[in-house]
Amino acid sequence: MSTSDGSADNARPSTLAGNDAGPAPKKGKKDRRSDAEKAGASLAIKLYNLIKRQQGVFLRDEDGSLHVVVEGRRIPLKYDRDSSLLASLMLEACGVSTLSMAAQVALQRLRVDALKEAGRMRFKRFSALSDDGQRLYIPLADGQLLKIAPHSITPVANGTNVDSIWLPHRHSMG
């Protein structure tokens, strides 16, 4: 099955499931959601689908804030009028800015599902130690991590490594 924008929808999380306007009201009940809620549900699906097409991942910072990592950019998932990265993502996915009420609804829906998905990846700063204490990770300027283990030192992917750790380099935007 595909959505109106042609992308597969079989991997949608719970709050984005259903048609583009979100879950339909029960039979015989009037849909009482505002136009902004309906439009926001549709925008959230487009936003989520773009993130998944670009192999984006959701993560939670040490302070509990939610982020998405897309194409090497870490984008905070909070409404901020001055967030150029979030505005760029919304414009690319939906063709609208983050200023409308529908866009804010979309972001709220995305945050709910990001919270569910973010549990696997942890966002750390400067360096991180694996849960078992056997591997130390240090960010490299090229976006990868240096993994230091008892018998090896190797560069590994950031975020998709065996310990699911994401570390930004101090000179990177992420």
N, C-alpha and C. Protein backbone atom coordinates (compact mmCIF):
# COMPACT_ATOMS: atom_id res chain seq x y z
N MET A 1 0.85 -1.18 0.00
CA MET A 1 0.00 0.00 0.00
C MET A 1 0.88 1.23 0.00
N SER A 2 0.45 2.28 -0.69
CA SER A 2 1.25 3.49 -0.70
C SER A 2 0.40 4.70 -0.37
N THR A 3 1.07 5.75 0.07
CA THR A 3 0.37 6.97 0.46
C THR A 3 0.19 7.85 -0.75
N SER A 4 -0.45 9.00 -0.56
CA SER A 4 -0.69 9.92 -1.66
C SER A 4 0.61 10.47 -2.24
N ASP A 5 1.71 10.41 -1.47
CA ASP A 5 2.97 10.90 -2.02
C ASP A 5 3.80 9.77 -2.63
N GLY A 6 3.19 8.57 -2.75
CA GLY A 6 3.82 7.45 -3.44
C GLY A 6 4.75 6.62 -2.59
N SER A 7 4.88 6.88 -1.33
CA SER A 7 5.79 6.12 -0.50
C SER A 7 5.05 5.02 0.25
N ALA A 8 5.77 3.99 0.62
CA ALA A 8 5.17 2.88 1.34
C ALA A 8 4.74 3.32 2.72
N ASP A 9 3.61 2.80 3.19
CA ASP A 9 3.13 3.21 4.51
C ASP A 9 3.06 2.04 5.48
N ASN A 10 3.60 0.89 5.11
CA ASN A 10 3.48 -0.27 5.97
C ASN A 10 4.33 -0.18 7.22
N ALA A 11 5.24 0.79 7.31
CA ALA A 11 6.10 0.90 8.49
C ALA A 11 5.69 2.07 9.38
N ARG A 12 4.51 2.62 9.16
CA ARG A 12 4.09 3.78 9.96
C ARG A 12 3.90 3.41 11.41
N PRO A 13 4.35 4.26 12.31
CA PRO A 13 4.08 4.03 13.72
C PRO A 13 2.62 4.31 14.04
N SER A 14 2.21 4.02 15.25
CA SER A 14 0.81 4.04 15.64
C SER A 14 0.10 5.36 15.43
N THR A 15 0.69 6.49 15.76
CA THR A 15 -0.05 7.75 15.64
C THR A 15 -0.13 8.23 14.21
N LEU A 16 0.62 7.59 13.30
CA LEU A 16 0.58 7.98 11.90
C LEU A 16 -0.18 6.96 11.06
N ALA A 17 -0.66 5.89 11.66
CA ALA A 17 -1.38 4.85 10.92
C ALA A 17 -2.74 5.38 10.48
N GLY A 18 -3.30 4.71 9.54
CA GLY A 18 -4.62 5.11 9.04
C GLY A 18 -4.48 5.94 7.80
N ASN A 19 -5.54 6.65 7.45
CA ASN A 19 -5.48 7.46 6.24
C ASN A 19 -4.73 8.75 6.53
N ASP A 20 -4.56 9.57 5.50
CA ASP A 20 -3.76 10.79 5.66
C ASP A 20 -4.34 11.77 6.67
N ALA A 21 -5.59 11.63 7.03
CA ALA A 21 -6.18 12.55 8.01
C ALA A 21 -6.19 11.95 9.40
N GLY A 22 -5.53 10.82 9.57
CA GLY A 22 -5.50 10.16 10.87
C GLY A 22 -6.67 9.19 11.00
N PRO A 23 -6.84 8.61 12.17
CA PRO A 23 -7.90 7.62 12.33
C PRO A 23 -9.28 8.23 12.10
N ALA A 24 -10.11 7.48 11.40
CA ALA A 24 -11.47 7.96 11.12
C ALA A 24 -12.32 7.87 12.38
N PRO A 25 -13.32 8.73 12.49
CA PRO A 25 -14.20 8.64 13.66
C PRO A 25 -15.01 7.35 13.61
N LYS A 26 -15.51 6.93 14.75
CA LYS A 26 -16.33 5.72 14.81
C LYS A 26 -17.58 5.92 13.97
N LYS A 27 -18.12 4.82 13.47
CA LYS A 27 -19.29 4.87 12.62
C LYS A 27 -20.42 5.63 13.33
N GLY A 28 -21.02 6.56 12.60
CA GLY A 28 -22.11 7.35 13.15
C GLY A 28 -21.65 8.55 13.95
N LYS A 29 -20.36 8.71 14.16
CA LYS A 29 -19.82 9.85 14.91
C LYS A 29 -19.23 10.86 13.94
N LYS A 30 -19.40 12.12 14.23
CA LYS A 30 -18.84 13.18 13.42
C LYS A 30 -17.36 13.38 13.79
N ASP A 31 -16.54 13.60 12.78
CA ASP A 31 -15.13 13.88 13.01
C ASP A 31 -15.02 15.30 13.55
N ARG A 32 -14.65 15.44 14.81
CA ARG A 32 -14.62 16.75 15.47
C ARG A 32 -13.24 17.38 15.50
N ARG A 33 -12.29 16.75 14.82
CA ARG A 33 -10.95 17.35 14.78
C ARG A 33 -10.97 18.61 13.95
N SER A 34 -10.16 19.56 14.32
CA SER A 34 -10.06 20.81 13.57
C SER A 34 -9.40 20.55 12.22
N ASP A 35 -9.54 21.50 11.33
CA ASP A 35 -8.88 21.39 10.03
C ASP A 35 -7.37 21.30 10.20
N ALA A 36 -6.83 22.03 11.18
CA ALA A 36 -5.38 21.98 11.44
C ALA A 36 -4.96 20.59 11.89
N GLU A 37 -5.78 19.93 12.71
CA GLU A 37 -5.46 18.56 13.16
C GLU A 37 -5.45 17.60 11.98
N LYS A 38 -6.45 17.72 11.11
CA LYS A 38 -6.53 16.83 9.94
C LYS A 38 -5.34 17.08 9.01
N ALA A 39 -5.06 18.35 8.73
CA ALA A 39 -3.93 18.68 7.85
C ALA A 39 -2.61 18.26 8.49
N GLY A 40 -2.49 18.45 9.79
CA GLY A 40 -1.28 18.08 10.51
C GLY A 40 -1.02 16.59 10.47
N ALA A 41 -2.08 15.79 10.54
CA ALA A 41 -1.92 14.33 10.45
C ALA A 41 -1.35 13.95 9.09
N SER A 42 -1.83 14.59 8.05
CA SER A 42 -1.32 14.33 6.70
C SER A 42 0.14 14.75 6.56
N LEU A 43 0.47 15.92 7.09
CA LEU A 43 1.85 16.41 7.04
C LEU A 43 2.79 15.49 7.82
N ALA A 44 2.33 14.98 8.95
CA ALA A 44 3.16 14.10 9.78
C ALA A 44 3.54 12.84 9.02
N ILE A 45 2.61 12.31 8.26
CA ILE A 45 2.89 11.11 7.47
C ILE A 45 3.96 11.41 6.42
N LYS A 46 3.83 12.53 5.74
CA LYS A 46 4.83 12.91 4.73
C LYS A 46 6.19 13.12 5.37
N LEU A 47 6.22 13.75 6.52
CA LEU A 47 7.47 14.00 7.23
C LEU A 47 8.12 12.69 7.66
N TYR A 48 7.33 11.81 8.26
CA TYR A 48 7.84 10.51 8.71
C TYR A 48 8.36 9.69 7.52
N ASN A 49 7.60 9.68 6.42
CA ASN A 49 8.02 8.90 5.26
C ASN A 49 9.33 9.42 4.68
N LEU A 50 9.52 10.74 4.63
CA LEU A 50 10.78 11.29 4.14
C LEU A 50 11.94 10.86 5.05
N ILE A 51 11.73 10.95 6.35
CA ILE A 51 12.77 10.56 7.30
C ILE A 51 13.17 9.10 7.09
N LYS A 52 12.19 8.22 6.92
CA LYS A 52 12.48 6.80 6.73
C LYS A 52 13.13 6.53 5.37
N ARG A 53 12.68 7.23 4.32
CA ARG A 53 13.30 7.06 2.99
C ARG A 53 14.78 7.45 3.04
N GLN A 54 15.11 8.45 3.83
CA GLN A 54 16.49 8.91 3.95
C GLN A 54 17.24 8.18 5.07
N GLN A 55 16.65 7.09 5.55
CA GLN A 55 17.24 6.24 6.58
C GLN A 55 17.55 7.02 7.85
N GLY A 56 16.67 7.96 8.18
CA GLY A 56 16.83 8.73 9.40
C GLY A 56 16.52 7.89 10.63
N VAL A 57 17.10 8.29 11.74
CA VAL A 57 16.86 7.60 13.01
C VAL A 57 16.53 8.63 14.08
N PHE A 58 15.68 8.22 15.01
CA PHE A 58 15.30 9.08 16.12
C PHE A 58 16.19 8.76 17.31
N LEU A 59 16.52 9.79 18.09
CA LEU A 59 17.30 9.56 19.29
C LEU A 59 16.86 10.52 20.38
N ARG A 60 17.19 10.14 21.60
CA ARG A 60 16.88 10.96 22.76
C ARG A 60 18.19 11.41 23.39
N ASP A 61 18.31 12.70 23.64
CA ASP A 61 19.51 13.29 24.23
C ASP A 61 19.56 12.93 25.71
N GLU A 62 20.71 13.17 26.33
CA GLU A 62 20.86 12.90 27.76
C GLU A 62 19.86 13.69 28.60
N ASP A 63 19.41 14.85 28.08
CA ASP A 63 18.44 15.67 28.81
C ASP A 63 16.99 15.28 28.50
N GLY A 64 16.80 14.24 27.68
CA GLY A 64 15.47 13.75 27.35
C GLY A 64 14.88 14.35 26.08
N SER A 65 15.54 15.35 25.50
CA SER A 65 15.00 15.96 24.28
C SER A 65 15.13 15.00 23.09
N LEU A 66 14.18 15.12 22.15
CA LEU A 66 14.12 14.24 20.99
C LEU A 66 14.76 14.89 19.78
N HIS A 67 15.42 14.07 18.96
CA HIS A 67 16.10 14.53 17.76
C HIS A 67 15.91 13.50 16.67
N VAL A 68 16.12 13.91 15.42
CA VAL A 68 16.19 12.98 14.31
C VAL A 68 17.53 13.22 13.63
N VAL A 69 18.19 12.15 13.23
CA VAL A 69 19.44 12.25 12.49
C VAL A 69 19.12 11.85 11.05
N VAL A 70 19.25 12.82 10.14
CA VAL A 70 18.96 12.60 8.73
C VAL A 70 20.14 13.12 7.92
N GLU A 71 20.69 12.25 7.09
CA GLU A 71 21.81 12.61 6.23
C GLU A 71 22.93 13.31 7.00
N GLY A 72 23.27 12.78 8.15
CA GLY A 72 24.37 13.30 8.96
C GLY A 72 24.05 14.55 9.76
N ARG A 73 22.80 15.02 9.71
CA ARG A 73 22.41 16.22 10.46
C ARG A 73 21.53 15.80 11.64
N ARG A 74 21.85 16.30 12.82
CA ARG A 74 21.01 16.05 13.99
C ARG A 74 20.07 17.24 14.11
N ILE A 75 18.77 16.95 14.05
CA ILE A 75 17.76 18.00 14.06
C ILE A 75 16.90 17.86 15.31
N PRO A 76 16.92 18.85 16.21
CA PRO A 76 16.05 18.78 17.39
C PRO A 76 14.58 18.80 16.96
N LEU A 77 13.77 17.93 17.57
CA LEU A 77 12.34 17.84 17.26
C LEU A 77 11.54 18.64 18.29
N LYS A 78 11.77 19.93 18.30
CA LYS A 78 10.98 20.80 19.16
C LYS A 78 10.62 22.02 18.34
N TYR A 79 9.45 22.54 18.62
CA TYR A 79 9.02 23.70 17.85
C TYR A 79 9.87 24.89 18.24
N ASP A 80 10.58 25.41 17.25
CA ASP A 80 11.43 26.59 17.44
C ASP A 80 11.38 27.37 16.14
N ARG A 81 10.82 28.56 16.18
CA ARG A 81 10.67 29.38 14.98
C ARG A 81 12.01 29.62 14.29
N ASP A 82 13.10 29.56 15.03
CA ASP A 82 14.42 29.87 14.48
C ASP A 82 15.21 28.64 14.04
N SER A 83 14.60 27.45 14.08
CA SER A 83 15.31 26.24 13.69
C SER A 83 15.31 26.08 12.17
N SER A 84 16.39 26.49 11.55
CA SER A 84 16.52 26.37 10.10
C SER A 84 16.55 24.92 9.66
N LEU A 85 17.17 24.05 10.45
CA LEU A 85 17.25 22.64 10.09
C LEU A 85 15.87 21.99 10.08
N LEU A 86 15.06 22.27 11.11
CA LEU A 86 13.71 21.70 11.15
C LEU A 86 12.84 22.28 10.04
N ALA A 87 12.96 23.58 9.80
CA ALA A 87 12.21 24.21 8.72
C ALA A 87 12.59 23.61 7.37
N SER A 88 13.86 23.38 7.16
CA SER A 88 14.33 22.78 5.92
C SER A 88 13.77 21.37 5.72
N LEU A 89 13.76 20.58 6.79
CA LEU A 89 13.21 19.23 6.72
C LEU A 89 11.72 19.27 6.40
N MET A 90 10.98 20.15 7.05
CA MET A 90 9.54 20.28 6.82
C MET A 90 9.26 20.74 5.39
N LEU A 91 10.03 21.71 4.91
CA LEU A 91 9.85 22.20 3.54
C LEU A 91 10.13 21.10 2.52
N GLU A 92 11.18 20.33 2.76
CA GLU A 92 11.53 19.25 1.84
C GLU A 92 10.45 18.16 1.83
N ALA A 93 9.97 17.80 2.99
CA ALA A 93 8.99 16.71 3.10
C ALA A 93 7.59 17.12 2.69
N CYS A 94 7.18 18.33 3.06
CA CYS A 94 5.78 18.72 2.95
C CYS A 94 5.53 19.95 2.09
N GLY A 95 6.56 20.72 1.81
CA GLY A 95 6.38 21.93 1.05
C GLY A 95 5.80 23.08 1.85
N VAL A 96 5.81 22.97 3.19
CA VAL A 96 5.32 24.04 4.05
C VAL A 96 6.35 24.32 5.13
N SER A 97 6.28 25.51 5.70
CA SER A 97 7.19 25.87 6.78
C SER A 97 6.69 25.28 8.10
N THR A 98 7.42 25.56 9.15
CA THR A 98 7.03 25.07 10.48
C THR A 98 6.15 26.06 11.22
N LEU A 99 5.77 27.15 10.58
CA LEU A 99 5.04 28.22 11.28
C LEU A 99 3.54 27.98 11.41
N SER A 100 2.95 27.17 10.56
CA SER A 100 1.50 26.99 10.61
C SER A 100 1.08 26.06 11.76
N MET A 101 -0.18 26.16 12.12
CA MET A 101 -0.72 25.28 13.16
C MET A 101 -0.66 23.82 12.71
N ALA A 102 -0.94 23.55 11.42
CA ALA A 102 -0.89 22.18 10.90
C ALA A 102 0.53 21.62 11.01
N ALA A 103 1.54 22.44 10.74
CA ALA A 103 2.93 21.99 10.86
C ALA A 103 3.26 21.67 12.31
N GLN A 104 2.75 22.46 13.24
CA GLN A 104 3.00 22.19 14.65
C GLN A 104 2.31 20.90 15.09
N VAL A 105 1.12 20.64 14.56
CA VAL A 105 0.43 19.37 14.83
C VAL A 105 1.27 18.21 14.30
N ALA A 106 1.79 18.36 13.08
CA ALA A 106 2.62 17.31 12.49
C ALA A 106 3.84 17.03 13.35
N LEU A 107 4.47 18.08 13.82
CA LEU A 107 5.65 17.92 14.66
C LEU A 107 5.30 17.21 15.97
N GLN A 108 4.17 17.56 16.56
CA GLN A 108 3.74 16.91 17.80
C GLN A 108 3.51 15.42 17.57
N ARG A 109 2.84 15.07 16.47
CA ARG A 109 2.60 13.66 16.15
C ARG A 109 3.92 12.93 15.92
N LEU A 110 4.85 13.58 15.20
CA LEU A 110 6.14 12.96 14.95
C LEU A 110 6.90 12.74 16.26
N ARG A 111 6.82 13.68 17.18
CA ARG A 111 7.49 13.54 18.48
C ARG A 111 6.98 12.34 19.27
N VAL A 112 5.67 12.10 19.21
CA VAL A 112 5.09 10.95 19.93
C VAL A 112 5.70 9.65 19.41
N ASP A 113 5.78 9.53 18.11
CA ASP A 113 6.35 8.31 17.54
C ASP A 113 7.87 8.26 17.67
N ALA A 114 8.52 9.42 17.63
CA ALA A 114 9.97 9.46 17.83
C ALA A 114 10.31 8.96 19.24
N LEU A 115 9.47 9.31 20.20
CA LEU A 115 9.69 8.86 21.57
C LEU A 115 9.69 7.33 21.65
N LYS A 116 8.79 6.70 20.90
CA LYS A 116 8.72 5.23 20.89
C LYS A 116 9.93 4.61 20.21
N GLU A 117 10.40 5.24 19.14
CA GLU A 117 11.50 4.68 18.35
C GLU A 117 12.88 5.05 18.90
N ALA A 118 12.98 6.09 19.68
CA ALA A 118 14.28 6.61 20.10
C ALA A 118 14.96 5.74 21.15
N GLY A 119 14.27 4.77 21.69
CA GLY A 119 14.83 3.98 22.77
C GLY A 119 16.09 3.23 22.41
N ARG A 120 16.29 2.88 21.14
CA ARG A 120 17.44 2.08 20.75
C ARG A 120 18.73 2.88 20.67
N MET A 121 18.66 4.12 20.21
CA MET A 121 19.88 4.91 20.04
C MET A 121 20.02 5.92 21.17
N ARG A 122 21.24 6.04 21.66
CA ARG A 122 21.52 7.00 22.73
C ARG A 122 22.41 8.11 22.20
N PHE A 123 22.13 9.32 22.59
CA PHE A 123 22.92 10.47 22.17
C PHE A 123 23.85 10.83 23.32
N LYS A 124 25.13 10.83 23.06
CA LYS A 124 26.13 11.15 24.09
C LYS A 124 27.01 12.28 23.59
N ARG A 125 27.80 12.84 24.49
CA ARG A 125 28.71 13.93 24.12
C ARG A 125 30.15 13.54 24.41
N PHE A 126 31.06 13.97 23.59
CA PHE A 126 32.50 13.77 23.63
C PHE A 126 32.92 12.32 23.47
N SER A 127 32.56 11.46 24.41
CA SER A 127 32.89 10.04 24.29
C SER A 127 31.82 9.24 25.02
N ALA A 128 31.81 7.96 24.71
CA ALA A 128 30.82 7.09 25.35
C ALA A 128 31.42 5.71 25.56
N LEU A 129 30.99 5.09 26.62
CA LEU A 129 31.43 3.74 26.95
C LEU A 129 30.26 2.80 26.76
N SER A 130 30.49 1.63 26.16
CA SER A 130 29.43 0.64 25.97
C SER A 130 28.89 0.21 27.34
N ASP A 131 27.67 -0.30 27.34
CA ASP A 131 27.05 -0.72 28.60
C ASP A 131 27.87 -1.75 29.34
N ASP A 132 28.56 -2.64 28.61
CA ASP A 132 29.37 -3.67 29.26
C ASP A 132 30.78 -3.17 29.61
N GLY A 133 31.08 -1.90 29.27
CA GLY A 133 32.37 -1.33 29.61
C GLY A 133 33.53 -1.82 28.74
N GLN A 134 33.23 -2.53 27.66
CA GLN A 134 34.29 -3.11 26.84
C GLN A 134 34.70 -2.26 25.64
N ARG A 135 33.91 -1.24 25.28
CA ARG A 135 34.21 -0.44 24.10
C ARG A 135 34.05 1.05 24.42
N LEU A 136 35.04 1.83 24.03
CA LEU A 136 35.01 3.27 24.18
C LEU A 136 34.86 3.87 22.79
N TYR A 137 33.97 4.86 22.66
CA TYR A 137 33.73 5.50 21.37
C TYR A 137 34.12 6.98 21.46
N ILE A 138 34.84 7.45 20.43
CA ILE A 138 35.26 8.84 20.34
C ILE A 138 34.87 9.34 18.95
N PRO A 139 34.23 10.53 18.86
CA PRO A 139 33.82 11.03 17.54
C PRO A 139 35.02 11.49 16.70
N LEU A 140 34.94 11.24 15.40
CA LEU A 140 35.96 11.68 14.46
C LEU A 140 35.40 12.82 13.61
N ALA A 141 36.28 13.65 13.08
CA ALA A 141 35.86 14.81 12.29
C ALA A 141 35.08 14.42 11.04
N ASP A 142 35.28 13.22 10.51
CA ASP A 142 34.58 12.80 9.29
C ASP A 142 33.17 12.27 9.57
N GLY A 143 32.72 12.31 10.83
CA GLY A 143 31.38 11.86 11.18
C GLY A 143 31.32 10.44 11.73
N GLN A 144 32.38 9.67 11.57
CA GLN A 144 32.42 8.32 12.12
C GLN A 144 32.85 8.38 13.59
N LEU A 145 32.89 7.20 14.21
CA LEU A 145 33.40 7.07 15.58
C LEU A 145 34.63 6.20 15.56
N LEU A 146 35.52 6.44 16.49
CA LEU A 146 36.65 5.55 16.71
C LEU A 146 36.25 4.64 17.85
N LYS A 147 36.19 3.33 17.59
CA LYS A 147 35.83 2.35 18.61
C LYS A 147 37.13 1.73 19.15
N ILE A 148 37.31 1.88 20.46
CA ILE A 148 38.49 1.32 21.11
C ILE A 148 38.02 0.16 21.98
N ALA A 149 38.45 -1.04 21.58
CA ALA A 149 38.09 -2.28 22.29
C ALA A 149 39.37 -2.89 22.85
N PRO A 150 39.26 -3.90 23.69
CA PRO A 150 40.46 -4.49 24.31
C PRO A 150 41.54 -4.92 23.31
N HIS A 151 41.14 -5.40 22.12
CA HIS A 151 42.13 -5.92 21.18
C HIS A 151 42.08 -5.26 19.81
N SER A 152 41.37 -4.14 19.71
CA SER A 152 41.30 -3.48 18.41
C SER A 152 40.92 -2.00 18.56
N ILE A 153 41.31 -1.25 17.55
CA ILE A 153 40.91 0.15 17.42
C ILE A 153 40.47 0.32 15.97
N THR A 154 39.17 0.61 15.78
CA THR A 154 38.64 0.68 14.42
C THR A 154 37.63 1.82 14.28
N PRO A 155 37.57 2.42 13.08
CA PRO A 155 36.51 3.40 12.83
C PRO A 155 35.20 2.64 12.57
N VAL A 156 34.09 3.18 13.09
CA VAL A 156 32.78 2.56 12.90
C VAL A 156 31.74 3.64 12.59
N ALA A 157 30.60 3.21 12.11
CA ALA A 157 29.53 4.13 11.78
C ALA A 157 28.96 4.78 13.04
N ASN A 158 28.58 6.02 12.91
CA ASN A 158 27.99 6.77 14.02
C ASN A 158 26.50 6.43 14.10
N GLY A 159 26.04 5.96 15.23
CA GLY A 159 24.62 5.67 15.45
C GLY A 159 24.21 4.25 15.13
N THR A 160 24.79 3.67 14.10
CA THR A 160 24.39 2.31 13.71
C THR A 160 25.45 1.28 14.10
N ASN A 161 26.29 1.63 15.05
CA ASN A 161 27.31 0.71 15.54
C ASN A 161 26.68 -0.35 16.45
N VAL A 162 27.45 -1.31 16.88
CA VAL A 162 26.93 -2.43 17.68
C VAL A 162 26.26 -1.96 18.98
N ASP A 163 26.67 -0.82 19.51
CA ASP A 163 26.10 -0.31 20.75
C ASP A 163 25.05 0.79 20.53
N SER A 164 24.76 1.09 19.27
CA SER A 164 23.76 2.12 18.91
C SER A 164 24.04 3.46 19.60
N ILE A 165 25.28 3.90 19.53
CA ILE A 165 25.68 5.16 20.15
C ILE A 165 25.91 6.20 19.06
N TRP A 166 25.38 7.39 19.29
CA TRP A 166 25.61 8.54 18.40
C TRP A 166 26.40 9.58 19.19
N LEU A 167 27.50 10.03 18.60
CA LEU A 167 28.33 11.08 19.22
C LEU A 167 28.65 12.13 18.17
N PRO A 168 28.28 13.39 18.40
CA PRO A 168 28.68 14.42 17.46
C PRO A 168 30.12 14.85 17.70
N HIS A 169 30.82 15.20 16.63
CA HIS A 169 32.14 15.78 16.76
C HIS A 169 31.95 17.25 17.14
N ARG A 170 32.82 17.82 17.92
CA ARG A 170 32.63 19.18 18.40
C ARG A 170 32.62 20.21 17.28
N HIS A 171 33.16 19.87 16.11
CA HIS A 171 33.17 20.81 14.99
C HIS A 171 32.08 20.52 13.97
N SER A 172 31.25 19.52 14.25
CA SER A 172 30.17 19.20 13.29
C SER A 172 28.90 19.91 13.71
N MET A 173 27.93 20.00 12.78
CA MET A 173 26.64 20.61 13.09
C MET A 173 25.78 19.65 13.87
N GLY A 174 26.09 18.35 13.84
CA GLY A 174 25.25 17.36 14.49
C GLY A 174 25.58 17.19 15.89
